[in-house]
Amino acid sequence: MAMVKQPYVRLIALQALRLIGSGESIATVGPLVYEKDQFTQFQAVAFLTEVLKKGDPECTTLPGYEKSAGRCLNDWRTWWTTVGRLKYKN
């Protein structure tokens, strides 16, 4: 999905993947925690939290994420860098 140059298209695709909730998309969604767009970051964090059933469930709601965005995002960035990208490869 990182190859899609239009951020809006990437966001819509991410929202669809979140609704589907398939673990097969982890390798695609994981890198999106580094996106510039904050709403895309939120959707990626929410997806990973929901699909992997790890992390703080508060991070899956926009109000909860906004309250703890730094922690939510940093936890998943650390996970992606140290575990996720090695375990879930395209």
N, C-alpha and C. Protein backbone atom coordinates (compact mmCIF):
# COMPACT_ATOMS: atom_id res chain seq x y z
N MET A 1 0.82 -1.19 0.00
CA MET A 1 0.00 0.00 0.00
C MET A 1 0.87 1.26 0.00
N ALA A 2 2.09 1.14 0.45
CA ALA A 2 2.98 2.29 0.45
C ALA A 2 3.27 2.77 -0.96
N MET A 3 3.05 1.90 -1.95
CA MET A 3 3.30 2.28 -3.33
C MET A 3 2.21 3.19 -3.87
N VAL A 4 1.06 3.24 -3.20
CA VAL A 4 -0.01 4.13 -3.62
C VAL A 4 0.39 5.55 -3.25
N LYS A 5 0.51 6.42 -4.21
CA LYS A 5 1.04 7.75 -3.97
C LYS A 5 0.01 8.73 -3.40
N GLN A 6 -1.27 8.48 -3.63
CA GLN A 6 -2.30 9.37 -3.13
C GLN A 6 -2.66 9.00 -1.69
N PRO A 7 -2.37 9.89 -0.73
CA PRO A 7 -2.63 9.59 0.68
C PRO A 7 -4.10 9.26 0.95
N TYR A 8 -5.02 9.90 0.26
CA TYR A 8 -6.43 9.65 0.50
C TYR A 8 -6.81 8.23 0.09
N VAL A 9 -6.28 7.78 -1.02
CA VAL A 9 -6.56 6.41 -1.49
C VAL A 9 -5.97 5.41 -0.50
N ARG A 10 -4.77 5.70 -0.03
CA ARG A 10 -4.12 4.83 0.95
C ARG A 10 -4.95 4.75 2.24
N LEU A 11 -5.49 5.89 2.67
CA LEU A 11 -6.31 5.92 3.88
C LEU A 11 -7.59 5.11 3.71
N ILE A 12 -8.26 5.27 2.58
CA ILE A 12 -9.50 4.52 2.33
C ILE A 12 -9.22 3.02 2.28
N ALA A 13 -8.12 2.64 1.65
CA ALA A 13 -7.75 1.22 1.60
C ALA A 13 -7.46 0.69 3.00
N LEU A 14 -6.80 1.48 3.82
CA LEU A 14 -6.51 1.09 5.19
C LEU A 14 -7.79 0.93 6.00
N GLN A 15 -8.73 1.84 5.82
CA GLN A 15 -10.01 1.72 6.53
C GLN A 15 -10.74 0.44 6.12
N ALA A 16 -10.67 0.11 4.85
CA ALA A 16 -11.31 -1.14 4.38
C ALA A 16 -10.63 -2.36 5.00
N LEU A 17 -9.30 -2.35 5.05
CA LEU A 17 -8.58 -3.45 5.67
C LEU A 17 -8.92 -3.58 7.15
N ARG A 18 -9.11 -2.45 7.81
CA ARG A 18 -9.49 -2.49 9.22
C ARG A 18 -10.87 -3.12 9.39
N LEU A 19 -11.79 -2.79 8.51
CA LEU A 19 -13.13 -3.38 8.59
C LEU A 19 -13.09 -4.89 8.35
N ILE A 20 -12.25 -5.32 7.42
CA ILE A 20 -12.11 -6.74 7.12
C ILE A 20 -11.45 -7.46 8.30
N GLY A 21 -10.43 -6.82 8.88
CA GLY A 21 -9.79 -7.34 10.08
C GLY A 21 -8.99 -8.62 9.90
N SER A 22 -8.40 -8.79 8.75
CA SER A 22 -7.65 -10.00 8.46
C SER A 22 -6.17 -9.85 8.84
N GLY A 23 -5.65 -10.88 9.50
CA GLY A 23 -4.24 -10.89 9.84
C GLY A 23 -3.32 -10.95 8.63
N GLU A 24 -3.88 -11.30 7.49
CA GLU A 24 -3.08 -11.36 6.26
C GLU A 24 -2.60 -9.97 5.82
N SER A 25 -3.17 -8.93 6.38
CA SER A 25 -2.82 -7.57 6.00
C SER A 25 -1.81 -6.91 6.93
N ILE A 26 -1.33 -7.62 7.92
CA ILE A 26 -0.41 -7.02 8.89
C ILE A 26 0.85 -6.48 8.22
N ALA A 27 1.42 -7.22 7.29
CA ALA A 27 2.64 -6.78 6.61
C ALA A 27 2.41 -5.50 5.81
N THR A 28 1.20 -5.32 5.33
CA THR A 28 0.86 -4.13 4.55
C THR A 28 0.58 -2.94 5.46
N VAL A 29 -0.08 -3.19 6.57
CA VAL A 29 -0.51 -2.10 7.45
C VAL A 29 0.59 -1.65 8.41
N GLY A 30 1.42 -2.56 8.86
CA GLY A 30 2.47 -2.23 9.83
C GLY A 30 3.28 -0.99 9.51
N PRO A 31 3.83 -0.88 8.30
CA PRO A 31 4.64 0.30 7.98
C PRO A 31 3.87 1.62 8.01
N LEU A 32 2.54 1.54 7.97
CA LEU A 32 1.74 2.78 7.94
C LEU A 32 1.74 3.52 9.27
N VAL A 33 2.32 2.93 10.32
CA VAL A 33 2.46 3.68 11.57
C VAL A 33 3.49 4.81 11.40
N TYR A 34 4.22 4.79 10.29
CA TYR A 34 5.19 5.85 9.99
C TYR A 34 4.67 6.88 8.99
N GLU A 35 3.42 6.77 8.59
CA GLU A 35 2.84 7.74 7.65
C GLU A 35 2.86 9.14 8.24
N LYS A 36 2.89 10.15 7.39
CA LYS A 36 2.84 11.53 7.85
C LYS A 36 1.45 11.92 8.34
N ASP A 37 0.44 11.40 7.70
CA ASP A 37 -0.93 11.75 8.04
C ASP A 37 -1.33 11.11 9.37
N GLN A 38 -1.77 11.94 10.32
CA GLN A 38 -2.09 11.45 11.65
C GLN A 38 -3.30 10.52 11.67
N PHE A 39 -4.28 10.74 10.81
CA PHE A 39 -5.44 9.86 10.80
C PHE A 39 -5.07 8.49 10.23
N THR A 40 -4.17 8.47 9.29
CA THR A 40 -3.67 7.19 8.77
C THR A 40 -2.90 6.46 9.86
N GLN A 41 -2.09 7.19 10.62
CA GLN A 41 -1.40 6.58 11.75
C GLN A 41 -2.40 5.96 12.73
N PHE A 42 -3.45 6.70 13.06
CA PHE A 42 -4.48 6.20 13.97
C PHE A 42 -5.11 4.92 13.43
N GLN A 43 -5.48 4.91 12.15
CA GLN A 43 -6.11 3.73 11.57
C GLN A 43 -5.17 2.53 11.61
N ALA A 44 -3.89 2.76 11.36
CA ALA A 44 -2.91 1.67 11.41
C ALA A 44 -2.77 1.13 12.83
N VAL A 45 -2.69 2.02 13.80
CA VAL A 45 -2.60 1.60 15.21
C VAL A 45 -3.85 0.83 15.62
N ALA A 46 -5.02 1.34 15.25
CA ALA A 46 -6.28 0.67 15.59
C ALA A 46 -6.34 -0.71 14.94
N PHE A 47 -5.95 -0.81 13.68
CA PHE A 47 -5.93 -2.10 12.99
C PHE A 47 -5.05 -3.10 13.73
N LEU A 48 -3.81 -2.70 14.01
CA LEU A 48 -2.87 -3.61 14.67
C LEU A 48 -3.38 -4.02 16.05
N THR A 49 -3.93 -3.08 16.79
CA THR A 49 -4.45 -3.38 18.12
C THR A 49 -5.60 -4.38 18.04
N GLU A 50 -6.49 -4.17 17.09
CA GLU A 50 -7.66 -5.05 16.95
C GLU A 50 -7.29 -6.43 16.40
N VAL A 51 -6.48 -6.47 15.37
CA VAL A 51 -6.17 -7.74 14.71
C VAL A 51 -5.24 -8.61 15.57
N LEU A 52 -4.24 -7.98 16.17
CA LEU A 52 -3.29 -8.74 16.97
C LEU A 52 -3.75 -8.93 18.41
N LYS A 53 -4.81 -8.20 18.78
CA LYS A 53 -5.33 -8.28 20.15
C LYS A 53 -4.24 -8.01 21.17
N LYS A 54 -3.44 -6.98 20.87
CA LYS A 54 -2.36 -6.52 21.75
C LYS A 54 -2.50 -5.03 21.90
N GLY A 55 -1.85 -4.50 22.88
CA GLY A 55 -1.86 -3.06 23.07
C GLY A 55 -3.09 -2.59 23.82
N ASP A 56 -3.21 -1.30 23.93
CA ASP A 56 -4.27 -0.67 24.70
C ASP A 56 -5.52 -0.51 23.84
N PRO A 57 -6.65 -1.11 24.22
CA PRO A 57 -7.89 -0.96 23.45
C PRO A 57 -8.33 0.50 23.31
N GLU A 58 -7.88 1.35 24.22
CA GLU A 58 -8.21 2.77 24.12
C GLU A 58 -7.68 3.37 22.82
N CYS A 59 -6.63 2.78 22.29
CA CYS A 59 -6.00 3.27 21.05
C CYS A 59 -6.84 2.99 19.82
N THR A 60 -7.93 2.23 19.95
CA THR A 60 -8.76 1.91 18.79
C THR A 60 -9.91 2.90 18.58
N THR A 61 -10.07 3.85 19.50
CA THR A 61 -11.08 4.89 19.33
C THR A 61 -10.36 6.22 19.12
N LEU A 62 -10.93 7.06 18.31
CA LEU A 62 -10.27 8.34 18.03
C LEU A 62 -10.08 9.17 19.30
N PRO A 63 -11.10 9.31 20.17
CA PRO A 63 -10.87 10.07 21.40
C PRO A 63 -9.77 9.46 22.27
N GLY A 64 -9.78 8.14 22.39
CA GLY A 64 -8.75 7.47 23.18
C GLY A 64 -7.37 7.63 22.58
N TYR A 65 -7.30 7.53 21.27
CA TYR A 65 -6.03 7.68 20.57
C TYR A 65 -5.50 9.10 20.73
N GLU A 66 -6.37 10.08 20.57
CA GLU A 66 -5.94 11.47 20.69
C GLU A 66 -5.42 11.77 22.10
N LYS A 67 -6.02 11.13 23.08
CA LYS A 67 -5.62 11.32 24.48
C LYS A 67 -4.22 10.73 24.72
N SER A 68 -3.91 9.63 24.05
CA SER A 68 -2.65 8.91 24.29
C SER A 68 -1.88 8.65 23.00
N ALA A 69 -2.00 9.54 22.04
CA ALA A 69 -1.43 9.30 20.71
C ALA A 69 0.05 8.97 20.74
N GLY A 70 0.82 9.72 21.50
CA GLY A 70 2.26 9.47 21.54
C GLY A 70 2.58 8.07 22.00
N ARG A 71 1.94 7.63 23.07
CA ARG A 71 2.18 6.29 23.61
C ARG A 71 1.68 5.22 22.64
N CYS A 72 0.46 5.39 22.15
CA CYS A 72 -0.11 4.40 21.22
C CYS A 72 0.79 4.22 20.00
N LEU A 73 1.17 5.33 19.42
CA LEU A 73 1.98 5.30 18.19
C LEU A 73 3.37 4.76 18.47
N ASN A 74 4.01 5.23 19.52
CA ASN A 74 5.37 4.77 19.82
C ASN A 74 5.42 3.29 20.15
N ASP A 75 4.41 2.78 20.87
CA ASP A 75 4.37 1.35 21.18
C ASP A 75 4.33 0.52 19.91
N TRP A 76 3.48 0.92 18.97
CA TRP A 76 3.36 0.14 17.72
C TRP A 76 4.54 0.36 16.79
N ARG A 77 5.13 1.54 16.80
CA ARG A 77 6.34 1.75 15.99
C ARG A 77 7.48 0.86 16.51
N THR A 78 7.62 0.81 17.82
CA THR A 78 8.64 -0.05 18.41
C THR A 78 8.38 -1.51 18.07
N TRP A 79 7.13 -1.94 18.20
CA TRP A 79 6.79 -3.32 17.87
C TRP A 79 7.09 -3.62 16.41
N TRP A 80 6.70 -2.71 15.51
CA TRP A 80 6.93 -2.95 14.08
C TRP A 80 8.42 -3.08 13.79
N THR A 81 9.22 -2.19 14.38
CA THR A 81 10.66 -2.19 14.12
C THR A 81 11.35 -3.41 14.69
N THR A 82 10.95 -3.84 15.88
CA THR A 82 11.68 -4.92 16.55
C THR A 82 11.11 -6.31 16.29
N VAL A 83 9.81 -6.41 16.02
CA VAL A 83 9.17 -7.72 15.87
C VAL A 83 8.41 -7.85 14.54
N GLY A 84 7.51 -6.93 14.33
CA GLY A 84 6.55 -7.05 13.23
C GLY A 84 7.14 -7.19 11.85
N ARG A 85 8.07 -6.33 11.50
CA ARG A 85 8.60 -6.36 10.13
C ARG A 85 9.38 -7.63 9.85
N LEU A 86 9.90 -8.26 10.91
CA LEU A 86 10.61 -9.53 10.73
C LEU A 86 9.65 -10.72 10.67
N LYS A 87 8.61 -10.64 11.48
CA LYS A 87 7.65 -11.74 11.56
C LYS A 87 6.63 -11.73 10.41
N TYR A 88 6.24 -10.53 9.99
CA TYR A 88 5.21 -10.38 8.95
C TYR A 88 5.82 -9.73 7.72
N LYS A 89 6.30 -10.54 6.81
CA LYS A 89 6.92 -10.02 5.59
C LYS A 89 5.96 -10.19 4.43
N ASN A 90 6.02 -9.24 3.49
CA ASN A 90 5.20 -9.35 2.26
C ASN A 90 5.72 -10.47 1.39
